[in-house]
């Protein structure tokens, strides 16, 4: 009895992976083993960097809030402590946006907590 291999499913799997390798340079786009390794590595980086992106943005927001706060004679930590005491619940994303794009609104918040 001949050996049964599901070529249809195997081809589908390989085709799906090779489609993901479109745009890669050299053998990474058309040689199965090289492409498979490149795709797996790329997917690992994508997973890792979805987490890192959140850290990077939080860090950026803190820098922007700190710069805006220092223009009004406060440090970042003083401002955040004062906001907590005043029960003003604005997250860092919103505060950073105000500090950068709406300085007058940010100034009024700083004045309110001083």
PDB file of N, CA and C in Angstrom:
ATOM      1  N   UNK A   1       0.843  -1.186   0.000  1.00  0.00           N
ATOM      2  CA  UNK A   1       0.000   0.000   0.000  1.00  0.00           C
ATOM      3  C   UNK A   1       0.884   1.244   0.000  1.00  0.00           C
ATOM      4  N   UNK A   2       0.617   2.198  -0.889  1.00  0.00           N
ATOM      5  CA  UNK A   2       1.458   3.404  -0.944  1.00  0.00           C
ATOM      6  C   UNK A   2       1.239   4.305   0.272  1.00  0.00           C
ATOM      7  N   UNK A   3       2.289   5.054   0.576  1.00  0.00           N
ATOM      8  CA  UNK A   3       2.234   5.965   1.724  1.00  0.00           C
ATOM      9  C   UNK A   3       1.327   7.149   1.397  1.00  0.00           C
ATOM     10  N   UNK A   4       0.467   7.501   2.324  1.00  0.00           N
ATOM     11  CA  UNK A   4      -0.480   8.590   2.104  1.00  0.00           C
ATOM     12  C   UNK A   4       0.057   9.870   2.731  1.00  0.00           C
ATOM     13  N   UNK A   5       0.270  10.872   1.903  1.00  0.00           N
ATOM     14  CA  UNK A   5       0.696  12.182   2.415  1.00  0.00           C
ATOM     15  C   UNK A   5      -0.292  13.231   1.917  1.00  0.00           C
ATOM     16  N   UNK A   6      -0.636  14.129   2.789  1.00  0.00           N
ATOM     17  CA  UNK A   6      -1.636  15.128   2.430  1.00  0.00           C
ATOM     18  C   UNK A   6      -0.946  16.312   1.748  1.00  0.00           C
ATOM     19  N   UNK A   7      -0.661  16.153   0.479  1.00  0.00           N
ATOM     20  CA  UNK A   7       0.076  17.160  -0.280  1.00  0.00           C
ATOM     21  C   UNK A   7      -0.725  18.462  -0.389  1.00  0.00           C
ATOM     22  N   UNK A   8      -2.015  18.355  -0.477  1.00  0.00           N
ATOM     23  CA  UNK A   8      -2.855  19.546  -0.618  1.00  0.00           C
ATOM     24  C   UNK A   8      -2.678  20.465   0.596  1.00  0.00           C
ATOM     25  N   UNK A   9      -2.749  19.891   1.786  1.00  0.00           N
ATOM     26  CA  UNK A   9      -2.606  20.681   3.012  1.00  0.00           C
ATOM     27  C   UNK A   9      -1.189  21.216   3.156  1.00  0.00           C
ATOM     28  N   UNK A  10      -0.195  20.401   2.823  1.00  0.00           N
ATOM     29  CA  UNK A  10       1.208  20.817   2.934  1.00  0.00           C
ATOM     30  C   UNK A  10       1.491  21.979   1.992  1.00  0.00           C
ATOM     31  N   UNK A  11       0.991  21.880   0.765  1.00  0.00           N
ATOM     32  CA  UNK A  11       1.189  22.944  -0.220  1.00  0.00           C
ATOM     33  C   UNK A  11       0.504  24.228   0.262  1.00  0.00           C
ATOM     34  N   UNK A  12      -0.670  24.070   0.850  1.00  0.00           N
ATOM     35  CA  UNK A  12      -1.411  25.234   1.358  1.00  0.00           C
ATOM     36  C   UNK A  12      -0.613  25.946   2.450  1.00  0.00           C
ATOM     37  N   UNK A  13      -0.035  25.148   3.362  1.00  0.00           N
ATOM     38  CA  UNK A  13       0.787  25.725   4.443  1.00  0.00           C
ATOM     39  C   UNK A  13       1.980  26.476   3.887  1.00  0.00           C
ATOM     40  N   UNK A  14       2.691  25.840   2.938  1.00  0.00           N
ATOM     41  CA  UNK A  14       3.881  26.478   2.359  1.00  0.00           C
ATOM     42  C   UNK A  14       3.517  27.729   1.580  1.00  0.00           C
ATOM     43  N   UNK A  15       2.416  27.652   0.839  1.00  0.00           N
ATOM     44  CA  UNK A  15       1.976  28.788   0.028  1.00  0.00           C
ATOM     45  C   UNK A  15       1.628  29.983   0.917  1.00  0.00           C
ATOM     46  N   UNK A  16       0.981  29.687   2.046  1.00  0.00           N
ATOM     47  CA  UNK A  16       0.603  30.732   2.997  1.00  0.00           C
ATOM     48  C   UNK A  16       1.858  31.410   3.560  1.00  0.00           C
ATOM     49  N   UNK A  17       2.869  30.615   3.889  1.00  0.00           N
ATOM     50  CA  UNK A  17       4.117  31.164   4.420  1.00  0.00           C
ATOM     51  C   UNK A  17       4.856  31.970   3.355  1.00  0.00           C
ATOM     52  N   UNK A  18       4.900  31.449   2.134  1.00  0.00           N
ATOM     53  CA  UNK A  18       5.619  32.151   1.059  1.00  0.00           C
ATOM     54  C   UNK A  18       4.942  33.479   0.731  1.00  0.00           C
ATOM     55  N   UNK A  19       3.624  33.526   0.911  1.00  0.00           N
ATOM     56  CA  UNK A  19       2.910  34.787   0.702  1.00  0.00           C
ATOM     57  C   UNK A  19       3.344  35.817   1.741  1.00  0.00           C
ATOM     58  N   UNK A  20       3.617  35.344   2.967  1.00  0.00           N
ATOM     59  CA  UNK A  20       4.083  36.244   4.022  1.00  0.00           C
ATOM     60  C   UNK A  20       5.495  36.764   3.737  1.00  0.00           C
ATOM     61  N   UNK A  21       6.261  36.029   2.918  1.00  0.00           N
ATOM     62  CA  UNK A  21       7.651  36.396   2.625  1.00  0.00           C
ATOM     63  C   UNK A  21       7.758  37.389   1.470  1.00  0.00           C
ATOM     64  N   UNK A  22       6.634  37.790   0.895  1.00  0.00           N
ATOM     65  CA  UNK A  22       6.667  38.757  -0.217  1.00  0.00           C
ATOM     66  C   UNK A  22       7.341  40.038   0.226  1.00  0.00           C
ATOM     67  N   UNK A  23       8.231  40.552  -0.615  1.00  0.00           N
ATOM     68  CA  UNK A  23       8.903  41.803  -0.298  1.00  0.00           C
ATOM     69  C   UNK A  23      10.237  41.608   0.397  1.00  0.00           C
ATOM     70  N   UNK A  24      10.569  40.383   0.801  1.00  0.00           N
ATOM     71  CA  UNK A  24      11.869  40.122   1.410  1.00  0.00           C
ATOM     72  C   UNK A  24      12.930  40.132   0.308  1.00  0.00           C
ATOM     73  N   UNK A  25      14.193  40.318   0.710  1.00  0.00           N
ATOM     74  CA  UNK A  25      15.276  40.441  -0.250  1.00  0.00           C
ATOM     75  C   UNK A  25      15.985  39.104  -0.474  1.00  0.00           C
ATOM     76  N   UNK A  26      16.359  38.857  -1.709  1.00  0.00           N
ATOM     77  CA  UNK A  26      17.169  37.689  -2.038  1.00  0.00           C
ATOM     78  C   UNK A  26      16.438  36.383  -1.840  1.00  0.00           C
ATOM     79  N   UNK A  27      17.156  35.382  -1.316  1.00  0.00           N
ATOM     80  CA  UNK A  27      16.566  34.043  -1.172  1.00  0.00           C
ATOM     81  C   UNK A  27      15.503  33.983  -0.091  1.00  0.00           C
ATOM     82  N   UNK A  28      15.421  35.019   0.730  1.00  0.00           N
ATOM     83  CA  UNK A  28      14.414  35.014   1.800  1.00  0.00           C
ATOM     84  C   UNK A  28      12.998  35.035   1.225  1.00  0.00           C
ATOM     85  N   UNK A  29      12.852  35.462  -0.025  1.00  0.00           N
ATOM     86  CA  UNK A  29      11.508  35.555  -0.597  1.00  0.00           C
ATOM     87  C   UNK A  29      11.085  34.326  -1.387  1.00  0.00           C
ATOM     88  N   UNK A  30      12.058  33.473  -1.819  1.00  0.00           N
ATOM     89  CA  UNK A  30      11.635  32.386  -2.706  1.00  0.00           C
ATOM     90  C   UNK A  30      12.222  31.011  -2.391  1.00  0.00           C
ATOM     91  N   UNK A  31      13.107  30.886  -1.410  1.00  0.00           N
ATOM     92  CA  UNK A  31      13.625  29.576  -1.014  1.00  0.00           C
ATOM     93  C   UNK A  31      12.932  29.195   0.293  1.00  0.00           C
ATOM     94  N   UNK A  32      12.288  28.038   0.298  1.00  0.00           N
ATOM     95  CA  UNK A  32      11.397  27.667   1.393  1.00  0.00           C
ATOM     96  C   UNK A  32      12.071  27.743   2.764  1.00  0.00           C
ATOM     97  N   UNK A  33      13.214  27.095   2.946  1.00  0.00           N
ATOM     98  CA  UNK A  33      13.810  27.024   4.278  1.00  0.00           C
ATOM     99  C   UNK A  33      14.276  28.403   4.757  1.00  0.00           C
ATOM    100  N   UNK A  34      14.864  29.166   3.857  1.00  0.00           N
ATOM    101  CA  UNK A  34      15.341  30.506   4.215  1.00  0.00           C
ATOM    102  C   UNK A  34      14.152  31.409   4.532  1.00  0.00           C
ATOM    103  N   UNK A  35      13.123  31.332   3.691  1.00  0.00           N
ATOM    104  CA  UNK A  35      11.927  32.161   3.883  1.00  0.00           C
ATOM    105  C   UNK A  35      11.229  31.805   5.194  1.00  0.00           C
ATOM    106  N   UNK A  36      11.135  30.513   5.494  1.00  0.00           N
ATOM    107  CA  UNK A  36      10.469  30.066   6.723  1.00  0.00           C
ATOM    108  C   UNK A  36      11.178  30.631   7.950  1.00  0.00           C
ATOM    109  N   UNK A  37      12.502  30.557   7.946  1.00  0.00           N
ATOM    110  CA  UNK A  37      13.268  31.092   9.075  1.00  0.00           C
ATOM    111  C   UNK A  37      13.083  32.603   9.214  1.00  0.00           C
ATOM    112  N   UNK A  38      13.090  33.302   8.088  1.00  0.00           N
ATOM    113  CA  UNK A  38      12.936  34.762   8.106  1.00  0.00           C
ATOM    114  C   UNK A  38      11.548  35.159   8.611  1.00  0.00           C
ATOM    115  N   UNK A  39      10.528  34.428   8.185  1.00  0.00           N
ATOM    116  CA  UNK A  39       9.157  34.722   8.607  1.00  0.00           C
ATOM    117  C   UNK A  39       8.991  34.483  10.099  1.00  0.00           C
ATOM    118  N   UNK A  40       9.510  33.337  10.581  1.00  0.00           N
ATOM    119  CA  UNK A  40       9.390  33.025  12.010  1.00  0.00           C
ATOM    120  C   UNK A  40      10.076  34.091  12.854  1.00  0.00           C
ATOM    121  N   UNK A  41      11.255  34.518  12.424  1.00  0.00           N
ATOM    122  CA  UNK A  41      11.990  35.552  13.151  1.00  0.00           C
ATOM    123  C   UNK A  41      11.193  36.862  13.123  1.00  0.00           C
ATOM    124  N   UNK A  42      10.627  37.188  11.955  1.00  0.00           N
ATOM    125  CA  UNK A  42       9.830  38.404  11.822  1.00  0.00           C
ATOM    126  C   UNK A  42       8.605  38.388  12.720  1.00  0.00           C
ATOM    127  N   UNK A  43       7.963  37.239  12.832  1.00  0.00           N
ATOM    128  CA  UNK A  43       6.785  37.130  13.690  1.00  0.00           C
ATOM    129  C   UNK A  43       7.162  37.271  15.163  1.00  0.00           C
ATOM    130  N   UNK A  44       8.346  36.759  15.541  1.00  0.00           N
ATOM    131  CA  UNK A  44       8.825  36.929  16.913  1.00  0.00           C
ATOM    132  C   UNK A  44       9.064  38.407  17.214  1.00  0.00           C
ATOM    133  N   UNK A  45       9.700  39.098  16.271  1.00  0.00           N
ATOM    134  CA  UNK A  45       9.950  40.530  16.448  1.00  0.00           C
ATOM    135  C   UNK A  45       8.629  41.294  16.557  1.00  0.00           C
ATOM    136  N   UNK A  46       7.649  40.906  15.728  1.00  0.00           N
ATOM    137  CA  UNK A  46       6.354  41.589  15.742  1.00  0.00           C
ATOM    138  C   UNK A  46       5.678  41.429  17.097  1.00  0.00           C
ATOM    139  N   UNK A  47       5.725  40.216  17.658  1.00  0.00           N
ATOM    140  CA  UNK A  47       5.116  39.956  18.967  1.00  0.00           C
ATOM    141  C   UNK A  47       5.823  40.773  20.040  1.00  0.00           C
ATOM    142  N   UNK A  48       7.158  40.730  20.032  1.00  0.00           N
ATOM    143  CA  UNK A  48       7.945  41.438  21.043  1.00  0.00           C
ATOM    144  C   UNK A  48       7.700  42.944  20.959  1.00  0.00           C
ATOM    145  N   UNK A  49       7.662  43.469  19.744  1.00  0.00           N
ATOM    146  CA  UNK A  49       7.585  44.915  19.581  1.00  0.00           C
ATOM    147  C   UNK A  49       6.181  45.478  19.779  1.00  0.00           C
ATOM    148  N   UNK A  50       5.164  44.625  19.738  1.00  0.00           N
ATOM    149  CA  UNK A  50       3.836  45.105  20.127  1.00  0.00           C
ATOM    150  C   UNK A  50       3.845  45.470  21.603  1.00  0.00           C
ATOM    151  N   UNK A  51       4.622  44.733  22.398  1.00  0.00           N
ATOM    152  CA  UNK A  51       4.753  45.055  23.824  1.00  0.00           C
ATOM    153  C   UNK A  51       5.660  46.270  24.021  1.00  0.00           C
ATOM    154  N   UNK A  52       6.767  46.309  23.286  1.00  0.00           N
ATOM    155  CA  UNK A  52       7.740  47.402  23.423  1.00  0.00           C
ATOM    156  C   UNK A  52       7.134  48.736  23.000  1.00  0.00           C
ATOM    157  N   UNK A  53       6.234  48.701  22.022  1.00  0.00           N
ATOM    158  CA  UNK A  53       5.597  49.920  21.517  1.00  0.00           C
ATOM    159  C   UNK A  53       4.865  50.648  22.639  1.00  0.00           C
ATOM    160  N   UNK A  54       4.204  49.890  23.499  1.00  0.00           N
ATOM    161  CA  UNK A  54       3.466  50.486  24.618  1.00  0.00           C
ATOM    162  C   UNK A  54       4.424  51.187  25.577  1.00  0.00           C
ATOM    163  N   UNK A  55       5.582  50.540  25.849  1.00  0.00           N
ATOM    164  CA  UNK A  55       6.582  51.154  26.725  1.00  0.00           C
ATOM    165  C   UNK A  55       7.149  52.419  26.100  1.00  0.00           C
ATOM    166  N   UNK A  56       7.432  52.353  24.797  1.00  0.00           N
ATOM    167  CA  UNK A  56       8.038  53.495  24.109  1.00  0.00           C
ATOM    168  C   UNK A  56       7.099  54.699  24.121  1.00  0.00           C
ATOM    169  N   UNK A  57       5.818  54.470  23.871  1.00  0.00           N
ATOM    170  CA  UNK A  57       4.873  55.579  23.848  1.00  0.00           C
ATOM    171  C   UNK A  57       4.687  56.183  25.229  1.00  0.00           C
ATOM    172  N   UNK A  58       4.621  55.346  26.254  1.00  0.00           N
ATOM    173  CA  UNK A  58       4.485  55.866  27.616  1.00  0.00           C
ATOM    174  C   UNK A  58       5.678  56.749  27.955  1.00  0.00           C
ATOM    175  N   UNK A  59       6.857  56.322  27.579  1.00  0.00           N
ATOM    176  CA  UNK A  59       8.083  57.090  27.817  1.00  0.00           C
ATOM    177  C   UNK A  59       8.029  58.433  27.080  1.00  0.00           C
ATOM    178  N   UNK A  60       7.556  58.414  25.846  1.00  0.00           N
ATOM    179  CA  UNK A  60       7.434  59.642  25.058  1.00  0.00           C
ATOM    180  C   UNK A  60       6.435  60.608  25.697  1.00  0.00           C
ATOM    181  N   UNK A  61       5.299  60.073  26.151  1.00  0.00           N
ATOM    182  CA  UNK A  61       4.287  60.923  26.795  1.00  0.00           C
ATOM    183  C   UNK A  61       4.849  61.569  28.051  1.00  0.00           C
ATOM    184  N   UNK A  62       5.600  60.814  28.843  1.00  0.00           N
ATOM    185  CA  UNK A  62       6.174  61.351  30.070  1.00  0.00           C
ATOM    186  C   UNK A  62       7.141  62.486  29.752  1.00  0.00           C
ATOM    187  N   UNK A  63       7.945  62.317  28.707  1.00  0.00           N
ATOM    188  CA  UNK A  63       8.884  63.374  28.309  1.00  0.00           C
ATOM    189  C   UNK A  63       8.144  64.641  27.905  1.00  0.00           C
ATOM    190  N   UNK A  64       7.075  64.479  27.156  1.00  0.00           N
ATOM    191  CA  UNK A  64       6.307  65.647  26.703  1.00  0.00           C
ATOM    192  C   UNK A  64       5.613  66.356  27.871  1.00  0.00           C
ATOM    193  N   UNK A  65       5.057  65.590  28.790  1.00  0.00           N
ATOM    194  CA  UNK A  65       4.401  66.181  29.965  1.00  0.00           C
ATOM    195  C   UNK A  65       5.437  66.914  30.806  1.00  0.00           C
ATOM    196  N   UNK A  66       6.604  66.311  30.987  1.00  0.00           N
ATOM    197  CA  UNK A  66       7.678  66.915  31.770  1.00  0.00           C
ATOM    198  C   UNK A  66       8.106  68.243  31.149  1.00  0.00           C
ATOM    199  N   UNK A  67       8.265  68.271  29.831  1.00  0.00           N
ATOM    200  CA  UNK A  67       8.661  69.508  29.141  1.00  0.00           C
ATOM    201  C   UNK A  67       7.605  70.585  29.332  1.00  0.00           C
ATOM    202  N   UNK A  68       6.329  70.192  29.199  1.00  0.00           N
ATOM    203  CA  UNK A  68       5.239  71.153  29.379  1.00  0.00           C
ATOM    204  C   UNK A  68       5.147  71.649  30.811  1.00  0.00           C
ATOM    205  N   UNK A  69       5.353  70.762  31.768  1.00  0.00           N
ATOM    206  CA  UNK A  69       5.265  71.130  33.187  1.00  0.00           C
ATOM    207  C   UNK A  69       6.397  72.078  33.565  1.00  0.00           C
ATOM    208  N   UNK A  70       7.587  71.830  33.056  1.00  0.00           N
ATOM    209  CA  UNK A  70       8.741  72.672  33.387  1.00  0.00           C
ATOM    210  C   UNK A  70       8.598  74.092  32.843  1.00  0.00           C
ATOM    211  N   UNK A  71       7.847  74.254  31.774  1.00  0.00           N
ATOM    212  CA  UNK A  71       7.566  75.608  31.263  1.00  0.00           C
ATOM    213  C   UNK A  71       6.755  76.420  32.274  1.00  0.00           C
ATOM    214  N   UNK A  72       6.027  75.716  33.123  1.00  0.00           N
ATOM    215  CA  UNK A  72       5.185  76.386  34.123  1.00  0.00           C
ATOM    216  C   UNK A  72       5.738  76.219  35.534  1.00  0.00           C
ATOM    217  N   UNK A  73       7.022  75.895  35.645  1.00  0.00           N
ATOM    218  CA  UNK A  73       7.688  75.877  36.940  1.00  0.00           C
ATOM    219  C   UNK A  73       7.424  74.661  37.805  1.00  0.00           C
ATOM    220  N   UNK A  74       7.065  73.546  37.196  1.00  0.00           N
ATOM    221  CA  UNK A  74       6.860  72.301  37.942  1.00  0.00           C
ATOM    222  C   UNK A  74       7.641  71.183  37.271  1.00  0.00           C
ATOM    223  N   UNK A  75       7.942  70.136  38.042  1.00  0.00           N
ATOM    224  CA  UNK A  75       8.532  68.951  37.423  1.00  0.00           C
ATOM    225  C   UNK A  75       7.397  67.970  37.121  1.00  0.00           C
ATOM    226  N   UNK A  76       7.746  66.938  36.382  1.00  0.00           N
ATOM    227  CA  UNK A  76       6.760  65.914  36.029  1.00  0.00           C
ATOM    228  C   UNK A  76       6.155  65.270  37.279  1.00  0.00           C
ATOM    229  N   UNK A  77       7.032  64.881  38.213  1.00  0.00           N
ATOM    230  CA  UNK A  77       6.540  64.158  39.402  1.00  0.00           C
ATOM    231  C   UNK A  77       5.682  65.063  40.278  1.00  0.00           C
ATOM    232  N   UNK A  78       6.050  66.335  40.382  1.00  0.00           N
ATOM    233  CA  UNK A  78       5.230  67.280  41.162  1.00  0.00           C
ATOM    234  C   UNK A  78       3.849  67.433  40.528  1.00  0.00           C
ATOM    235  N   UNK A  79       3.837  67.553  39.200  1.00  0.00           N
ATOM    236  CA  UNK A  79       2.565  67.710  38.479  1.00  0.00           C
ATOM    237  C   UNK A  79       1.679  66.481  38.667  1.00  0.00           C
ATOM    238  N   UNK A  80       2.247  65.285  38.501  1.00  0.00           N
ATOM    239  CA  UNK A  80       1.446  64.070  38.618  1.00  0.00           C
ATOM    240  C   UNK A  80       0.920  63.899  40.048  1.00  0.00           C
ATOM    241  N   UNK A  81       1.743  64.244  41.039  1.00  0.00           N
ATOM    242  CA  UNK A  81       1.297  64.175  42.432  1.00  0.00           C
ATOM    243  C   UNK A  81       0.170  65.144  42.701  1.00  0.00           C
ATOM    244  N   UNK A  82       0.294  66.370  42.162  1.00  0.00           N
ATOM    245  CA  UNK A  82      -0.738  67.392  42.346  1.00  0.00           C
ATOM    246  C   UNK A  82      -2.040  66.995  41.648  1.00  0.00           C
ATOM    247  N   UNK A  83      -1.929  66.360  40.475  1.00  0.00           N
ATOM    248  CA  UNK A  83      -3.126  65.902  39.751  1.00  0.00           C
ATOM    249  C   UNK A  83      -3.860  64.828  40.553  1.00  0.00           C
ATOM    250  N   UNK A  84      -3.101  63.917  41.152  1.00  0.00           N
ATOM    251  CA  UNK A  84      -3.707  62.864  41.969  1.00  0.00           C
ATOM    252  C   UNK A  84      -4.436  63.475  43.170  1.00  0.00           C
ATOM    253  N   UNK A  85      -3.779  64.450  43.841  1.00  0.00           N
ATOM    254  CA  UNK A  85      -4.386  65.095  45.010  1.00  0.00           C
ATOM    255  C   UNK A  85      -5.662  65.833  44.638  1.00  0.00           C
ATOM    256  N   UNK A  86      -5.665  66.468  43.465  1.00  0.00           N
ATOM    257  CA  UNK A  86      -6.820  67.249  43.020  1.00  0.00           C
ATOM    258  C   UNK A  86      -7.903  66.372  42.379  1.00  0.00           C
ATOM    259  N   UNK A  87      -7.683  65.061  42.361  1.00  0.00           N
ATOM    260  CA  UNK A  87      -8.623  64.103  41.750  1.00  0.00           C
ATOM    261  C   UNK A  87      -8.918  64.418  40.289  1.00  0.00           C
ATOM    262  N   UNK A  88      -7.889  64.821  39.561  1.00  0.00           N
ATOM    263  CA  UNK A  88      -8.029  65.031  38.114  1.00  0.00           C
ATOM    264  C   UNK A  88      -7.508  63.774  37.431  1.00  0.00           C
ATOM    265  N   UNK A  89      -8.421  63.026  36.838  1.00  0.00           N
ATOM    266  CA  UNK A  89      -8.062  61.748  36.231  1.00  0.00           C
ATOM    267  C   UNK A  89      -7.874  61.888  34.727  1.00  0.00           C
ATOM    268  N   UNK A  90      -6.721  62.410  34.349  1.00  0.00           N
ATOM    269  CA  UNK A  90      -6.348  62.464  32.936  1.00  0.00           C
ATOM    270  C   UNK A  90      -5.149  61.545  32.752  1.00  0.00           C
ATOM    271  N   UNK A  91      -5.218  60.692  31.732  1.00  0.00           N
ATOM    272  CA  UNK A  91      -4.090  59.786  31.523  1.00  0.00           C
ATOM    273  C   UNK A  91      -2.940  60.502  30.814  1.00  0.00           C
ATOM    274  N   UNK A  92      -1.796  59.845  30.768  1.00  0.00           N
ATOM    275  CA  UNK A  92      -0.587  60.462  30.231  1.00  0.00           C
ATOM    276  C   UNK A  92      -0.721  60.784  28.748  1.00  0.00           C
ATOM    277  N   UNK A  93      -1.454  59.962  28.022  1.00  0.00           N
ATOM    278  CA  UNK A  93      -1.644  60.194  26.591  1.00  0.00           C
ATOM    279  C   UNK A  93      -2.352  61.524  26.355  1.00  0.00           C
ATOM    280  N   UNK A  94      -3.410  61.764  27.105  1.00  0.00           N
ATOM    281  CA  UNK A  94      -4.191  62.998  26.963  1.00  0.00           C
ATOM    282  C   UNK A  94      -3.373  64.201  27.425  1.00  0.00           C
ATOM    283  N   UNK A  95      -2.689  64.055  28.556  1.00  0.00           N
ATOM    284  CA  UNK A  95      -1.872  65.159  29.066  1.00  0.00           C
ATOM    285  C   UNK A  95      -0.771  65.526  28.079  1.00  0.00           C
ATOM    286  N   UNK A  96      -0.137  64.530  27.484  1.00  0.00           N
ATOM    287  CA  UNK A  96       0.931  64.785  26.515  1.00  0.00           C
ATOM    288  C   UNK A  96       0.386  65.493  25.288  1.00  0.00           C
ATOM    289  N   UNK A  97      -0.800  65.088  24.847  1.00  0.00           N
ATOM    290  CA  UNK A  97      -1.429  65.740  23.690  1.00  0.00           C
ATOM    291  C   UNK A  97      -1.754  67.198  24.005  1.00  0.00           C
ATOM    292  N   UNK A  98      -2.276  67.443  25.207  1.00  0.00           N
ATOM    293  CA  UNK A  98      -2.575  68.821  25.611  1.00  0.00           C
ATOM    294  C   UNK A  98      -1.299  69.646  25.691  1.00  0.00           C
ATOM    295  N   UNK A  99      -0.249  69.091  26.282  1.00  0.00           N
ATOM    296  CA  UNK A  99       1.011  69.816  26.443  1.00  0.00           C
ATOM    297  C   UNK A  99       1.605  70.199  25.090  1.00  0.00           C
ATOM    298  N   UNK A 100       1.421  69.328  24.104  1.00  0.00           N
ATOM    299  CA  UNK A 100       2.040  69.574  22.808  1.00  0.00           C
ATOM    300  C   UNK A 100       1.167  70.414  21.879  1.00  0.00           C
ATOM    301  N   UNK A 101      -0.110  70.073  21.782  1.00  0.00           N
ATOM    302  CA  UNK A 101      -0.973  70.687  20.770  1.00  0.00           C
ATOM    303  C   UNK A 101      -1.896  71.786  21.307  1.00  0.00           C
ATOM    304  N   UNK A 102      -2.151  71.783  22.621  1.00  0.00           N
ATOM    305  CA  UNK A 102      -3.048  72.780  23.214  1.00  0.00           C
ATOM    306  C   UNK A 102      -2.410  73.334  24.485  1.00  0.00           C
ATOM    307  N   UNK A 103      -1.337  74.130  24.333  1.00  0.00           N
ATOM    308  CA  UNK A 103      -0.606  74.595  25.516  1.00  0.00           C
ATOM    309  C   UNK A 103      -1.451  75.434  26.474  1.00  0.00           C
ATOM    310  N   UNK A 104      -2.438  76.182  25.942  1.00  0.00           N
ATOM    311  CA  UNK A 104      -3.277  77.005  26.826  1.00  0.00           C
ATOM    312  C   UNK A 104      -4.147  76.138  27.733  1.00  0.00           C
ATOM    313  N   UNK A 105      -4.653  75.024  27.197  1.00  0.00           N
ATOM    314  CA  UNK A 105      -5.450  74.100  28.005  1.00  0.00           C
ATOM    315  C   UNK A 105      -4.564  73.422  29.055  1.00  0.00           C
ATOM    316  N   UNK A 106      -3.352  73.060  28.668  1.00  0.00           N
ATOM    317  CA  UNK A 106      -2.416  72.430  29.601  1.00  0.00           C
ATOM    318  C   UNK A 106      -2.059  73.408  30.718  1.00  0.00           C
ATOM    319  N   UNK A 107      -1.880  74.686  30.342  1.00  0.00           N
ATOM    320  CA  UNK A 107      -1.552  75.718  31.331  1.00  0.00           C
ATOM    321  C   UNK A 107      -2.671  75.861  32.354  1.00  0.00           C
ATOM    322  N   UNK A 108      -3.912  75.814  31.874  1.00  0.00           N
ATOM    323  CA  UNK A 108      -5.044  75.947  32.813  1.00  0.00           C
ATOM    324  C   UNK A 108      -5.096  74.761  33.783  1.00  0.00           C
ATOM    325  N   UNK A 109      -4.732  73.565  33.318  1.00  0.00           N
ATOM    326  CA  UNK A 109      -4.683  72.400  34.209  1.00  0.00           C
ATOM    327  C   UNK A 109      -3.587  72.575  35.254  1.00  0.00           C
ATOM    328  N   UNK A 110      -2.428  73.044  34.812  1.00  0.00           N
ATOM    329  CA  UNK A 110      -1.307  73.257  35.741  1.00  0.00           C
ATOM    330  C   UNK A 110      -1.671  74.317  36.769  1.00  0.00           C
ATOM    331  N   UNK A 111      -2.316  75.401  36.314  1.00  0.00           N
ATOM    332  CA  UNK A 111      -2.723  76.468  37.225  1.00  0.00           C
ATOM    333  C   UNK A 111      -3.737  75.970  38.257  1.00  0.00           C
ATOM    334  N   UNK A 112      -4.600  75.072  37.808  1.00  0.00           N
ATOM    335  CA  UNK A 112      -5.642  74.543  38.697  1.00  0.00           C
ATOM    336  C   UNK A 112      -5.053  73.709  39.837  1.00  0.00           C
ATOM    337  N   UNK A 113      -3.964  72.973  39.550  1.00  0.00           N
ATOM    338  CA  UNK A 113      -3.389  72.103  40.571  1.00  0.00           C
ATOM    339  C   UNK A 113      -2.302  72.785  41.410  1.00  0.00           C
ATOM    340  N   UNK A 114      -1.876  73.964  41.011  1.00  0.00           N
ATOM    341  CA  UNK A 114      -0.812  74.667  41.756  1.00  0.00           C
ATOM    342  C   UNK A 114      -1.326  75.150  43.107  1.00  0.00           C
TER     343      UNK A 114
END
